[in-house]
Structures are given as C-alpha cells and as structure tokens.
Protein backbone atom coordinates (compact mmCIF):
# COMPACT_ATOMS: atom_id res chain seq x y z
CA UNK A 1 36.29 15.85 27.21
CA UNK A 2 33.71 15.44 24.42
CA UNK A 3 30.25 16.78 23.76
CA UNK A 4 27.73 14.52 22.19
CA UNK A 5 25.56 15.93 19.36
CA UNK A 6 21.94 15.07 20.27
CA UNK A 7 18.69 16.47 18.82
CA UNK A 8 16.03 17.50 21.12
CA UNK A 9 12.92 15.35 21.34
CA UNK A 10 9.66 17.04 20.25
CA UNK A 11 8.03 18.78 23.06
CA UNK A 12 4.47 19.85 23.99
CA UNK A 13 1.25 18.92 22.45
CA UNK A 14 2.16 19.73 18.89
CA UNK A 15 3.74 16.26 18.34
CA UNK A 16 0.40 14.51 19.24
CA UNK A 17 -1.58 16.77 16.95
CA UNK A 18 0.88 15.86 14.13
CA UNK A 19 0.47 12.22 14.79
CA UNK A 20 -3.33 12.45 14.94
CA UNK A 21 -3.43 14.39 11.57
CA UNK A 22 -0.99 11.87 9.92
CA UNK A 23 -3.01 8.92 11.18
CA UNK A 24 -6.25 10.42 10.03
CA UNK A 25 -4.87 10.92 6.64
CA UNK A 26 -3.33 7.50 6.47
CA UNK A 27 -6.91 6.11 7.38
CA UNK A 28 -8.45 7.90 4.57
CA UNK A 29 -5.77 6.70 2.10
CA UNK A 30 -5.66 3.06 3.19
CA UNK A 31 -9.48 2.99 3.43
CA UNK A 32 -9.66 3.94 -0.28
CA UNK A 33 -7.74 0.85 -1.41
CA UNK A 34 -10.39 -1.38 -0.22
CA UNK A 35 -13.67 0.45 0.06
CA UNK A 36 -13.70 1.36 -3.61
CA UNK A 37 -13.34 -2.20 -4.70
CA UNK A 38 -16.51 -3.03 -2.55
CA UNK A 39 -18.45 -0.36 -4.31
CA UNK A 40 -17.47 -1.20 -7.72
CA UNK A 41 -20.52 -3.14 -8.71
CA UNK A 42 -22.80 -0.23 -7.53
CA UNK A 43 -20.65 2.32 -9.49
CA UNK A 44 -20.68 0.26 -12.63
CA UNK A 45 -24.52 0.01 -12.69
CA UNK A 46 -25.23 3.68 -11.81
CA UNK A 47 -22.67 5.08 -14.24
CA UNK A 48 -23.49 2.57 -16.92
CA UNK A 49 -19.68 1.78 -16.95
CA UNK A 50 -17.92 -0.93 -18.83
CA UNK A 51 -15.47 -3.35 -17.51
CA UNK A 52 -12.66 -1.46 -18.92
CA UNK A 53 -14.01 1.75 -17.33
CA UNK A 54 -13.93 0.25 -13.99
CA UNK A 55 -10.42 -0.91 -14.49
CA UNK A 56 -9.42 2.54 -15.12
CA UNK A 57 -11.04 3.72 -12.03
CA UNK A 58 -8.61 1.52 -10.08
CA UNK A 59 -5.78 2.07 -12.28
CA UNK A 60 -5.86 5.87 -12.49
CA UNK A 61 -5.51 6.10 -8.58
CA UNK A 62 -2.57 3.74 -8.62
CA UNK A 63 -0.77 5.66 -11.48
CA UNK A 64 -1.20 9.06 -9.72
CA UNK A 65 -0.20 7.52 -6.44
CA UNK A 66 3.08 5.54 -7.44
CA UNK A 67 4.35 8.13 -9.88
CA UNK A 68 4.83 10.97 -7.37
CA UNK A 69 5.87 9.36 -4.03
CA UNK A 70 9.52 9.83 -4.09
CA UNK A 71 9.14 13.16 -5.76
CA UNK A 72 6.86 14.42 -3.12
CA UNK A 73 9.10 13.10 -0.26
CA UNK A 74 12.25 14.74 -1.76
CA UNK A 75 10.27 18.05 -2.51
CA UNK A 76 8.96 18.22 1.20
CA UNK A 77 12.45 18.04 2.52
CA UNK A 78 13.12 21.27 0.53
CA UNK A 79 10.04 23.39 0.49
CA UNK A 80 8.57 22.35 3.98
CA UNK A 81 6.98 18.93 4.91
CA UNK A 82 3.92 20.69 6.85
CA UNK A 83 3.33 22.93 3.72
CA UNK A 84 3.31 20.11 1.34
CA UNK A 85 1.31 17.86 3.39
CA UNK A 86 -1.50 20.52 3.60
CA UNK A 87 -1.35 20.78 -0.07
CA UNK A 88 -1.73 16.98 -0.34
CA UNK A 89 -4.75 17.16 1.95
CA UNK A 90 -6.47 19.87 -0.28
CA UNK A 91 -5.73 17.88 -3.42
CA UNK A 92 -6.88 14.53 -2.01
CA UNK A 93 -10.03 16.03 -0.53
CA UNK A 94 -11.32 18.11 -3.25
CA UNK A 95 -10.69 15.12 -5.67
CA UNK A 96 -12.66 12.93 -3.40
CA UNK A 97 -15.70 15.25 -3.64
CA UNK A 98 -15.19 15.34 -7.53
CA UNK A 99 -15.28 11.41 -7.35
CA UNK A 100 -18.67 11.57 -5.51
CA UNK A 101 -20.10 14.15 -7.94
CA UNK A 102 -19.10 12.26 -11.14
CA UNK A 103 -21.76 11.59 -13.44
CA UNK A 104 -19.91 9.49 -16.10
CA UNK A 105 -16.98 7.17 -16.00
CA UNK A 106 -14.51 9.48 -17.51
CA UNK A 107 -14.95 12.16 -15.00
CA UNK A 108 -14.74 9.58 -12.18
CA UNK A 109 -11.46 8.24 -13.79
CA UNK A 110 -9.87 11.63 -13.91
CA UNK A 111 -10.94 12.51 -10.28
CA UNK A 112 -9.29 9.33 -9.28
CA UNK A 113 -6.03 10.01 -10.96
CA UNK A 114 -5.97 13.49 -9.10
CA UNK A 115 -6.92 11.88 -6.01
CA UNK A 116 -3.90 9.43 -6.45
CA UNK A 117 -1.54 12.48 -6.80
CA UNK A 118 -2.85 14.07 -3.52
CA UNK A 119 -2.54 10.55 -1.85
CA UNK A 120 1.15 10.31 -3.02
CA UNK A 121 1.92 13.51 -1.14
CA UNK A 122 0.31 12.28 2.07
CA UNK A 123 1.86 8.98 1.90
CA UNK A 124 5.45 10.24 1.45
CA UNK A 125 5.33 13.05 3.70
CA UNK A 126 3.30 11.63 6.71
CA UNK A 127 6.04 9.49 8.19
CA UNK A 128 8.54 12.29 7.76
CA UNK A 129 6.39 14.57 9.80
CA UNK A 130 6.21 11.94 12.57
CA UNK A 131 10.00 11.32 12.52
CA UNK A 132 10.48 15.02 13.04
CA UNK A 133 8.43 15.24 16.20
CA UNK A 134 9.17 11.87 17.84
CA UNK A 135 12.52 10.43 18.98
CA UNK A 136 14.07 7.50 20.79
CA UNK A 137 11.42 5.11 22.13
CA UNK A 138 8.57 7.41 21.77
CA UNK A 139 9.19 7.40 18.01
CA UNK A 140 8.68 3.57 18.08
CA UNK A 141 5.26 4.03 19.87
CA UNK A 142 4.33 6.77 17.44
CA UNK A 143 4.89 4.46 14.52
CA UNK A 144 3.08 1.71 16.28
CA UNK A 145 -0.02 3.85 16.48
CA UNK A 146 0.56 4.94 12.74
CA UNK A 147 0.88 1.17 11.68
CA UNK A 148 -2.11 0.17 13.74
CA UNK A 149 -4.36 2.79 11.97
CA UNK A 150 -3.09 1.77 8.64
CA UNK A 151 -3.72 -1.90 9.18
CA UNK A 152 -7.16 -1.28 10.75
CA UNK A 153 -8.20 0.77 7.65
CA UNK A 154 -7.33 -2.11 5.17
CA UNK A 155 -8.89 -4.78 7.09
CA UNK A 156 -12.07 -2.56 7.93
CA UNK A 157 -12.33 -1.46 4.38
CA UNK A 158 -14.88 -4.18 3.47
CA UNK A 159 -17.06 -3.29 6.43
CA UNK A 160 -17.06 0.35 6.08
CA UNK A 161 -17.34 0.09 2.28
CA UNK A 162 -20.25 -2.30 2.45
CA UNK A 163 -22.00 0.12 4.92
CA UNK A 164 -21.47 3.16 2.81
CA UNK A 165 -22.54 1.40 -0.43
CA UNK A 166 -25.67 0.44 1.28
CA UNK A 167 -26.30 4.22 1.50
CA UNK A 168 -24.94 5.25 -1.81
CA UNK A 169 -21.63 4.49 -3.41
CA UNK A 170 -20.78 8.16 -3.57
CA UNK A 171 -20.44 8.38 0.23
CA UNK A 172 -17.53 6.06 -0.21
CA UNK A 173 -15.74 9.47 -1.56
CA UNK A 174 -17.77 11.87 0.42
CA UNK A 175 -16.61 10.41 3.67
CA UNK A 176 -13.24 11.86 2.91
CA UNK A 177 -14.50 15.62 2.97
CA UNK A 178 -15.17 15.83 6.84
CA UNK A 179 -11.96 13.95 7.72
CA UNK A 180 -9.84 15.90 5.17
CA UNK A 181 -11.11 19.32 6.41
CA UNK A 182 -10.55 18.57 10.04
CA UNK A 183 -7.03 17.17 9.30
CA UNK A 184 -6.27 20.37 7.24
CA UNK A 185 -7.54 22.60 10.08
CA UNK A 186 -5.23 20.85 12.50
CA UNK A 187 -2.20 20.91 10.24
CA UNK A 188 -2.64 24.76 9.63
CA UNK A 189 -3.07 25.57 13.32
CA UNK A 190 -1.30 23.03 15.42
CA UNK A 191 1.37 21.27 13.33
CA UNK A 192 5.00 22.78 13.25
CA UNK A 193 6.93 23.12 10.08
CA UNK A 194 9.88 20.77 9.70
CA UNK A 195 12.32 20.94 6.74
CA UNK A 196 16.01 21.31 7.02
CA UNK A 197 17.11 21.79 3.32
CA UNK A 198 15.23 24.79 1.98
CA UNK A 199 18.62 26.20 0.78
CA UNK A 200 18.85 23.31 -1.66
CA UNK A 201 17.61 24.00 -5.23
CA UNK A 202 14.89 21.80 -6.44
CA UNK A 203 15.86 19.17 -8.74
CA UNK A 204 13.32 19.77 -11.37
CA UNK A 205 15.01 17.50 -14.00
CA UNK A 206 15.08 14.68 -11.56
CA UNK A 207 11.60 15.15 -10.47
CA UNK A 208 10.33 15.04 -13.98
CA UNK A 209 12.39 12.03 -15.12
CA UNK A 210 11.48 9.91 -11.97
CA UNK A 211 7.73 10.88 -12.05
CA UNK A 212 7.47 9.82 -15.72
CA UNK A 213 9.53 6.83 -15.22
CA UNK A 214 7.51 5.47 -12.41
CA UNK A 215 4.18 6.38 -14.31
CA UNK A 216 5.13 4.51 -17.50
CA UNK A 217 6.50 1.60 -15.39
CA UNK A 218 3.17 1.16 -13.31
CA UNK A 219 1.11 1.78 -16.33
CA UNK A 220 2.91 -1.21 -18.03
CA UNK A 221 2.45 -3.35 -15.02
CA UNK A 222 -1.35 -2.61 -14.52
CA UNK A 223 -2.34 -2.64 -18.22
CA UNK A 224 -0.26 -5.67 -19.23
CA UNK A 225 -2.76 -8.18 -17.88
CA UNK A 226 -5.33 -6.48 -19.87
CA UNK A 227 -3.56 -5.92 -23.27
CA UNK A 228 -0.95 -8.56 -22.81
CA UNK A 229 2.50 -8.62 -21.65
CA UNK A 230 3.87 -8.84 -25.27
CA UNK A 231 1.68 -6.22 -26.65
CA UNK A 232 3.22 -3.06 -28.23
CA UNK A 233 1.62 -1.01 -25.60
CA UNK A 234 3.35 -2.89 -22.85
CA UNK A 235 6.64 -3.03 -24.69
CA UNK A 236 6.77 0.79 -25.40
CA UNK A 237 5.69 1.56 -21.82
CA UNK A 238 8.47 -0.78 -20.28
CA UNK A 239 11.23 0.59 -22.71
CA UNK A 240 10.25 4.15 -21.82
CA UNK A 241 10.23 3.59 -18.12
CA UNK A 242 13.82 2.01 -18.50
CA UNK A 243 15.05 4.98 -20.43
CA UNK A 244 13.39 7.50 -18.24
CA UNK A 245 14.78 5.84 -14.93
CA UNK A 246 18.23 5.43 -16.50
CA UNK A 247 18.22 9.25 -17.35
CA UNK A 248 17.04 9.87 -13.74
CA UNK A 249 20.00 7.89 -12.42
CA UNK A 250 22.48 9.79 -14.64
CA UNK A 251 21.07 13.20 -13.52
CA UNK A 252 21.30 12.16 -9.92
CA UNK A 253 24.90 11.11 -10.09
CA UNK A 254 25.95 14.43 -11.69
CA UNK A 255 24.22 17.15 -9.63
CA UNK A 256 25.21 18.51 -6.31
CA UNK A 257 21.84 17.96 -4.64
CA UNK A 258 20.18 15.06 -6.00
CA UNK A 259 16.57 14.19 -4.82
CA UNK A 260 17.66 10.59 -4.34
CA UNK A 261 20.94 9.83 -2.47
CA UNK A 262 22.27 6.91 -4.81
CA UNK A 263 24.50 5.72 -1.89
CA UNK A 264 21.22 4.25 -0.56
CA UNK A 265 21.14 1.74 -3.37
CA UNK A 266 24.44 0.44 -2.17
CA UNK A 267 23.32 0.21 1.39
CA UNK A 268 22.45 -3.58 2.09
CA UNK A 269 19.78 -2.75 4.78
CA UNK A 270 18.00 -0.28 2.45
CA UNK A 271 17.77 -2.87 -0.23
CA UNK A 272 16.52 -5.53 2.20
CA UNK A 273 13.97 -3.30 3.60
CA UNK A 274 12.96 -2.15 0.22
CA UNK A 275 12.52 -5.75 -0.98
CA UNK A 276 10.54 -6.76 2.28
CA UNK A 277 8.26 -3.70 1.62
CA UNK A 278 7.69 -4.60 -1.87
CA UNK A 279 7.10 -8.28 -1.15
CA UNK A 280 4.60 -7.92 1.64
CA UNK A 281 2.44 -5.56 -0.38
CA UNK A 282 2.83 -7.72 -3.50
CA UNK A 283 1.14 -10.42 -1.51
CA UNK A 284 -1.22 -8.79 0.93
CA UNK A 285 -3.69 -6.85 -1.15
CA UNK A 286 -4.37 -9.65 -3.63
CA UNK A 287 -4.93 -12.27 -1.00
CA UNK A 288 -7.30 -9.89 0.86
CA UNK A 289 -9.09 -9.02 -2.33
CA UNK A 290 -9.64 -12.50 -3.26
CA UNK A 291 -10.73 -13.39 0.28
CA UNK A 292 -13.38 -10.59 0.02
CA UNK A 293 -14.42 -11.99 -3.47
CA UNK A 294 -14.42 -15.57 -2.12
CA UNK A 295 -16.83 -14.60 0.76
CA UNK A 296 -19.15 -12.72 -1.64
CA UNK A 297 -18.88 -14.57 -4.94
CA UNK A 298 -18.64 -18.17 -3.50
CA UNK A 299 -20.37 -18.11 -0.07
CA UNK A 300 -22.85 -15.65 -1.13
CA UNK A 301 -22.39 -13.11 1.78
CA UNK A 302 -23.27 -9.49 1.28
CA UNK A 303 -20.66 -6.68 1.43
CA UNK A 304 -21.32 -5.87 4.95
CA UNK A 305 -21.61 -9.44 6.03
CA UNK A 306 -18.14 -9.91 4.62
CA UNK A 307 -16.91 -6.90 6.41
CA UNK A 308 -18.17 -8.22 9.83
CA UNK A 309 -16.19 -11.51 9.22
CA UNK A 310 -13.05 -9.48 8.59
CA UNK A 311 -13.54 -7.85 11.98
CA UNK A 312 -11.11 -10.40 13.78
CA UNK A 313 -8.37 -9.45 11.18
CA UNK A 314 -8.89 -5.97 12.14
CA UNK A 315 -8.51 -6.50 15.76
CA UNK A 316 -5.48 -8.60 15.27
CA UNK A 317 -3.80 -5.95 13.00
CA UNK A 318 -4.63 -3.34 15.67
CA UNK A 319 -3.20 -5.31 18.47
CA UNK A 320 -0.12 -6.56 16.46
CA UNK A 321 0.80 -3.01 15.15
CA UNK A 322 0.58 -1.54 18.71
CA UNK A 323 2.92 -4.16 20.00
CA UNK A 324 5.14 -3.85 16.85
CA UNK A 325 5.57 -0.07 17.65
CA UNK A 326 6.79 -0.77 21.10
CA UNK A 327 8.86 -3.56 19.94
CA UNK A 328 10.50 -1.44 17.11
CA UNK A 329 12.23 0.83 19.60
CA UNK A 330 13.54 -2.19 21.48
CA UNK A 331 14.00 -5.32 19.23
CA UNK A 332 16.59 -5.46 16.37
CA UNK A 333 14.95 -4.44 13.07
CA UNK A 334 15.92 -7.52 11.22
CA UNK A 335 14.07 -9.70 13.68
CA UNK A 336 10.96 -7.93 13.51
CA UNK A 337 10.87 -7.41 9.81
CA UNK A 338 11.83 -11.10 9.13
CA UNK A 339 9.30 -12.40 11.68
CA UNK A 340 6.51 -10.13 10.35
CA UNK A 341 7.05 -11.44 6.76
CA UNK A 342 7.34 -15.17 7.73
CA UNK A 343 4.18 -14.91 9.82
CA UNK A 344 2.46 -13.30 7.00
CA UNK A 345 3.47 -15.77 4.54
CA UNK A 346 2.54 -18.69 6.97
CA UNK A 347 -0.95 -17.55 7.27
CA UNK A 348 -1.36 -17.33 3.68
CA UNK A 349 -0.16 -20.84 3.13
CA UNK A 350 -2.55 -22.00 5.64
CA UNK A 351 -5.30 -20.79 3.47
CA UNK A 352 -4.45 -23.91 1.16
CA UNK A 353 -6.40 -25.90 3.48
CA UNK A 354 -9.65 -24.25 2.57
CA UNK A 355 -11.76 -26.28 0.32
CA UNK A 356 -15.24 -25.66 -1.39
CA UNK A 357 -17.32 -27.15 1.42
CA UNK A 358 -15.89 -24.83 4.05
CA UNK A 359 -17.45 -21.86 5.54
CA UNK A 360 -15.73 -18.57 6.28
CA UNK A 361 -14.43 -19.82 9.49
CA UNK A 362 -11.95 -22.04 7.73
CA UNK A 363 -10.07 -18.92 6.73
CA UNK A 364 -10.06 -17.42 10.27
CA UNK A 365 -6.90 -18.87 11.69
CA UNK A 366 -4.99 -18.22 8.63
CA UNK A 367 -6.17 -14.65 8.57
CA UNK A 368 -5.36 -14.09 12.20
CA UNK A 369 -1.77 -15.53 11.82
CA UNK A 370 -1.39 -13.51 8.70
CA UNK A 371 -2.76 -10.48 10.43
CA UNK A 372 -0.19 -10.76 13.07
CA UNK A 373 2.57 -10.64 10.66
CA UNK A 374 0.94 -7.69 8.82
CA UNK A 375 0.50 -5.60 12.01
CA UNK A 376 3.96 -6.24 13.19
CA UNK A 377 5.58 -5.13 9.88
CA UNK A 378 4.52 -1.49 9.44
CA UNK A 379 5.81 0.17 12.51
CA UNK A 380 9.48 -1.19 12.17
CA UNK A 381 9.17 -0.56 8.52
CA UNK A 382 8.18 2.99 8.82
CA UNK A 383 10.75 3.60 11.60
CA UNK A 384 13.50 2.08 9.73
CA UNK A 385 12.78 4.07 6.49
CA UNK A 386 13.49 7.35 8.12
CA UNK A 387 16.35 6.07 10.32
CA UNK A 388 18.41 5.13 7.26
CA UNK A 389 18.91 8.74 6.38
CA UNK A 390 19.61 11.95 8.09
CA UNK A 391 16.77 13.83 9.79
CA UNK A 392 16.87 16.37 7.11
CA UNK A 393 16.31 13.73 4.41
CA UNK A 394 13.51 11.86 6.02
CA UNK A 395 11.10 12.79 3.37
CA UNK A 396 13.25 11.15 0.79
CA UNK A 397 13.53 8.18 3.01
CA UNK A 398 10.03 7.73 3.55
CA UNK A 399 9.10 8.60 -0.08
CA UNK A 400 11.63 5.90 -1.37
CA UNK A 401 9.96 3.20 0.76
CA UNK A 402 6.52 4.13 0.16
CA UNK A 403 7.33 3.96 -3.60
CA UNK A 404 8.39 0.28 -3.27
CA UNK A 405 5.24 -0.28 -1.27
CA UNK A 406 2.98 1.02 -4.01
CA UNK A 407 4.75 -0.52 -6.97
CA UNK A 408 4.61 -3.79 -5.17
CA UNK A 409 0.96 -3.53 -4.57
CA UNK A 410 0.49 -2.71 -8.25
CA UNK A 411 2.54 -5.64 -9.48
CA UNK A 412 1.08 -7.95 -7.13
CA UNK A 413 -2.55 -7.23 -8.20
CA UNK A 414 -1.53 -7.50 -11.87
CA UNK A 415 0.77 -10.48 -11.66
CA UNK A 416 -1.36 -12.46 -9.22
CA UNK A 417 -4.56 -11.41 -10.80
CA UNK A 418 -3.28 -12.69 -14.14
CA UNK A 419 -2.31 -15.91 -12.50
CA UNK A 420 -5.69 -16.24 -10.96
CA UNK A 421 -7.43 -15.51 -14.18
CA UNK A 422 -5.36 -18.10 -16.00
CA UNK A 423 -6.17 -20.84 -13.47
CA UNK A 424 -9.81 -20.10 -13.71
CA UNK A 425 -9.65 -20.15 -17.29
CA UNK A 426 -8.04 -23.50 -17.46
CA UNK A 427 -10.30 -25.03 -14.85
CA UNK A 428 -13.39 -23.90 -16.60
CA UNK A 429 -12.23 -25.04 -19.91
CA UNK A 430 -11.81 -28.54 -18.57
CA UNK A 431 -14.90 -28.60 -16.70
CA UNK A 432 -17.47 -26.71 -19.03
CA UNK A 433 -16.12 -27.16 -22.45
CA UNK A 434 -17.23 -23.62 -23.40
CA UNK A 435 -16.38 -21.81 -26.82
CA UNK A 436 -13.38 -19.33 -26.57
CA UNK A 437 -15.57 -16.46 -26.43
CA UNK A 438 -17.84 -17.81 -23.74
CA UNK A 439 -14.94 -19.26 -21.85
CA UNK A 440 -13.33 -15.67 -21.63
CA UNK A 441 -16.62 -14.15 -20.59
CA UNK A 442 -17.00 -16.81 -17.86
CA UNK A 443 -13.43 -16.28 -16.72
CA UNK A 444 -13.80 -12.64 -16.32
CA UNK A 445 -17.01 -12.95 -14.38
CA UNK A 446 -15.72 -15.75 -12.01
CA UNK A 447 -12.19 -13.86 -11.44
CA UNK A 448 -14.35 -10.76 -10.44
CA UNK A 449 -16.38 -12.85 -7.92
CA UNK A 450 -19.61 -12.36 -9.82
CA UNK A 451 -20.54 -16.05 -9.80
CA UNK A 452 -24.02 -15.66 -8.98
CA UNK A 453 -24.75 -13.29 -12.25
CA UNK A 454 -22.70 -15.69 -14.30
CA UNK A 455 -24.74 -18.74 -13.28
CA UNK A 456 -28.07 -16.81 -13.89
CA UNK A 457 -27.19 -16.56 -17.49
CA UNK A 458 -27.09 -20.32 -18.09
CA UNK A 459 -29.97 -22.67 -18.50
CA UNK A 460 -31.59 -23.82 -15.25
CA UNK A 461 -30.76 -27.59 -15.84
CA UNK A 462 -27.01 -26.72 -15.81
CA UNK A 463 -27.02 -23.98 -13.07
CA UNK A 464 -26.01 -26.28 -10.27
CA UNK A 465 -23.03 -27.94 -12.17
CA UNK A 466 -21.80 -24.50 -13.64
CA UNK A 467 -22.01 -22.92 -10.29
CA UNK A 468 -20.09 -25.86 -8.61
CA UNK A 469 -17.42 -25.61 -11.37
CA UNK A 470 -17.21 -21.77 -11.03
CA UNK A 471 -16.74 -22.07 -7.20
CA UNK A 472 -14.11 -24.82 -7.62
CA UNK A 473 -12.24 -22.72 -10.18
CA UNK A 474 -12.28 -19.55 -7.96
CA UNK A 475 -11.04 -21.46 -4.92
CA UNK A 476 -8.37 -23.00 -7.02
CA UNK A 477 -7.17 -19.51 -8.08
CA UNK A 478 -7.55 -18.18 -4.54
CA UNK A 479 -5.09 -21.07 -3.37
CA UNK A 480 -2.74 -19.98 -6.29
CA UNK A 481 -2.65 -16.58 -5.18
CA UNK A 482 -2.13 -17.49 -1.60
CA UNK A 483 0.59 -19.91 -2.30
CA UNK A 484 2.59 -17.53 -4.42
CA UNK A 485 2.28 -14.65 -1.96
CA UNK A 486 2.91 -16.90 0.96
CA UNK A 487 6.17 -18.44 -0.25
CA UNK A 488 7.39 -14.90 -1.41
CA UNK A 489 6.77 -13.67 2.15
CA UNK A 490 8.56 -16.67 3.80
CA UNK A 491 11.50 -16.44 1.37
CA UNK A 492 12.02 -12.64 1.68
CA UNK A 493 11.50 -12.74 5.46
CA UNK A 494 14.18 -15.38 5.89
CA UNK A 495 16.42 -13.15 3.77
CA UNK A 496 15.57 -10.11 6.01
CA UNK A 497 16.90 -11.83 9.13
CA UNK A 498 20.35 -11.91 7.54
CA UNK A 499 20.54 -8.93 5.46
CA UNK A 500 19.35 -6.05 7.51
CA UNK A 501 22.12 -4.69 9.79
CA UNK A 502 21.99 -2.42 12.71
CA UNK A 503 25.24 -0.73 11.48
CA UNK A 504 23.58 0.49 8.20
CA UNK A 505 21.34 3.05 10.02
CA UNK A 506 22.22 6.68 10.29
CA UNK A 507 20.21 6.66 13.38
CA UNK A 508 19.85 3.45 15.41
CA UNK A 509 15.81 2.58 15.49
CA UNK A 510 16.33 0.66 18.80
CA UNK A 511 18.36 3.36 20.60
CA UNK A 512 16.67 4.93 23.76
CA UNK A 513 17.35 8.33 22.13
CA UNK A 514 17.79 8.27 18.20
CA UNK A 515 19.38 11.53 18.03
CA UNK A 516 22.12 10.77 20.32
CA UNK A 517 23.26 7.20 19.26
CA UNK A 518 24.16 6.84 15.65
CA UNK A 519 24.44 3.44 14.30
CA UNK A 520 28.16 2.89 14.20
CA UNK A 521 29.71 5.22 16.83
CA UNK A 522 28.81 8.31 18.55
CA UNK A 523 29.40 11.52 16.73
CA UNK A 524 31.77 13.39 19.06
CA UNK A 525 32.92 16.93 18.91
CA UNK A 526 36.23 17.50 20.93
CA UNK A 527 36.29 20.47 23.24
CA UNK A 528 39.61 22.27 23.33
C-alpha cells in the first residue's frame, strides 16, 4: 500500500483575489513599457530635455528592473511572497507619482530607476503567488488570464498612452496611483502569505553580486549603441559584469542555501525555456516599437489613431492568451512554446511585404499572425517557469525566467535599434548626400520616427524628395528589424520543439493535478 503525496489546491475566494491583484499589477507594468514611449515627445518638450535625457528615462527603468528580478524572486521565497509583493506595490506606486511630479529630467530619471526596482519585485513574485494558489488545470487557466492581461497591456499601450498624453503626459504615471492603491489594499486584506523557506538564511553575498552583475550587464547593453560597442565605458561595464557574475556562481556553488540552484543550468528544458523567453522578447518589443513609429512617422497618424489601429492585435492577444492558458494544462509544453515562437516569427517575416505606398492595413495580417503566437506564449511560459522547481522555490523559478525576459528586451532594443539606425544612415547617405554631421542628425530623427519635424527643417523645394527618402529609409530599417526578429523566433521555436522535455519538470504542467503527478514518477511513501 502506498500514499501519494499531494498538495491541496487553493480553496476559497482568496486565490481569485490573488489572481486579480497580480493581473492588475502586471497590467501596470506592461503598460509602462509602451505608454512612456508614446509620451516621450511631450515629456521632452515640457521638461526641455535633451535626446540623451530621454534615453536615460527609458534606460533607468530597464536597469532597475533587470538588476533585481532574480534577487527579488529568491528573497520572496525566504521572507514571504505576499510581504515582498506588497513592498513592490508601494515602491512602484510612489515612484510613479514621483515621475508625474518631476519638474526636470534628472528627477524623472531617478524616479524611473526606483520605479524599475518596484517593477522587478512585482514581475518576479507575481507568478509565484499564482502558483501557490492554483494547481492542476486551474493553474493553466489562471496563467491564461495572467498572460492575456500582459499581452493586452502591451498591445493597448499605444492607445492608452495616446489618450493619456492628450490630457497631460503626467497622467501616464498618475494612472498607476489608483490601480496601485487598490491592489495594495487587496494584497493586505485578501491575499494569503505563501513562503516555505523562512528558515533559510538570506544569501546577501549572492544577492549583491547578482544584482550588481546584472546591472552592469544591462548598462553595457543599453548604452553601447550610444557610446559605442568598443568604447571604454562599454568594455569596463562588460568586464565588470562578467567578473561579478562569475563571483556569483562561485558563491552559489559553495553555500548550503543558494539563491539560485545551479542545477537548473544543467536542465535542458530550463535552458530551452530561457532561450525561448529571451528570444521572443528580443524580437517583440523592437518590432512593435518600430510598428508604432512607422504609423506615426511615415503614415502621419496621431498617437491615439495609432493606438486604435493596434486594437486588432490587442483582441488577438487576449483571445490567444486565454486559449493558451487552457492548452498549457493539456498540451505538451514543447508544442505550445515552439508553435508560439514559430507563429510570432512568421508574422514578423510577413511584414517584409509592406512597402512605402501601403497603408496600415498592409501590416494587419502580419500583426494578427504574430499576435496569435505572442498570446499563446505567455501562459505556458509562466506555468513552466514555476513547474521546473519545487513549490517552495517558485519565486526563484519565476524570477530567473523574468530575468531572461527583461535582458532579452533590453538587448533587443539595443541591438535591433542599432541595426535600424545603421540601415537608415546608409540609406540616407546614398539618397541625400549629406555631410557627416547632418547625416547623423537626420538618421537620429528618422530612427525616432520624427520624419515630419526633420523634413520641416529642409528647404521647401527639397521637402518632397527628402520626405520620400526618409520614409523609404525607415521602412527598410523596419524590414531589417522584422526580418532578424522573425528568423530568430522561428529558429528558437523549432529548437524548443525538440529540447523541452516533459520529464525535466519537477511538477508536470499538463497533469490534472500538479501536486500529485511529478514529472518522472509518483513520489510514493510506503506504509508499513
């Protein structure tokens, strides 16, 4: 006779309050990735900011976010996920208010950095809270809702950002105040605590080394396109990140309770899932960003008009993520992850058919195909990230996966942005014959989608020719970004079909009850 060890599924209404709170926080976080970009022109004018200031407004958030994801997830497993999530809400909400109150660029940059730190806590701990409350096929459905909200926030960002900017750019940040306060109230009153490793000492050395290592790595990635990949600044930052991360690995290998289980790095499925997460984020944000800039800078649509045209993508993401959540508890993870990346890549490659004479509808089908893949990806990705580790380490699992997500996004913006800038620079130098200084100014303007203001600075008799050349140059760069992102997604998606294995999961994501069906064999306790 044997007794199978099984954890009880979450009961009562608390789990639904947990899901609602995590989804609300996730909506704020994902929204901030896109709405701020839409508001950038208004912020620059109002604060009299330089182009470099505006780059730091984006970079400061990315640095704070990427540096503390894994640290926050592992720390939550020790001190309490509910407690740390509440702290993240406080930090993010107060920093959002500070962003809205900023009267000069330096204040906005500092507030954005703090906002990124708050966001890192929420990103890392949110999936772990869901995993603690939902099990079996209900967990798949919960992550489907979670993924749908995340996808809708990204796709709806241009529309919401455009509408808020029409009122005042500060509302892009103030909108987080009521959402954050409501989420905090629910967390403190309705969400139960979940943490099983309170007896483990906090790995302060590992936390410091990892955070500093990721900070310098992301700093090098996002600043290299500005100061140069071979500049001393980039070289020192990369060397420091390598040294710090090696030091982190050494520390983790020598202590009894590491914040990152190094055995995960030898898990083929963990590696494949991390590569898939990195790649899709490497591709998606740059392609969507250049899609927004194409509609505004080339087609001449306003921010809110652009947002409306992204509504079909929003709807597709919502539907696909809902379906993906249901399927993630029924269909093998390798099939879902692989199909999601291949569809996303195929949609991006279809964008290569858009030419300078097309309207926005030429991108409709490509974005719908990509949106289907993007929507299908998040639920099984989030579900798998916590199923690769024990329930007590779900914060570490989600934090590790979210780190690959944010580093992928940062590297995608940096690398594909640099590719686009180089493409535009080459095209304009061939078509316009500008001096080096004028060419650099023109390339910066076109890459930022500011084609109208750039054309307004040239003599009227050349305006039409310059405008046509700028539009062609931008579209060529958009195609380069879509092609690289599309190929990367298809290749890594094909690899995911083969590399992700069911037996590598601690808890089988497709089992009816995750707690009672481990991946290889049931854990059985003999009864005398």
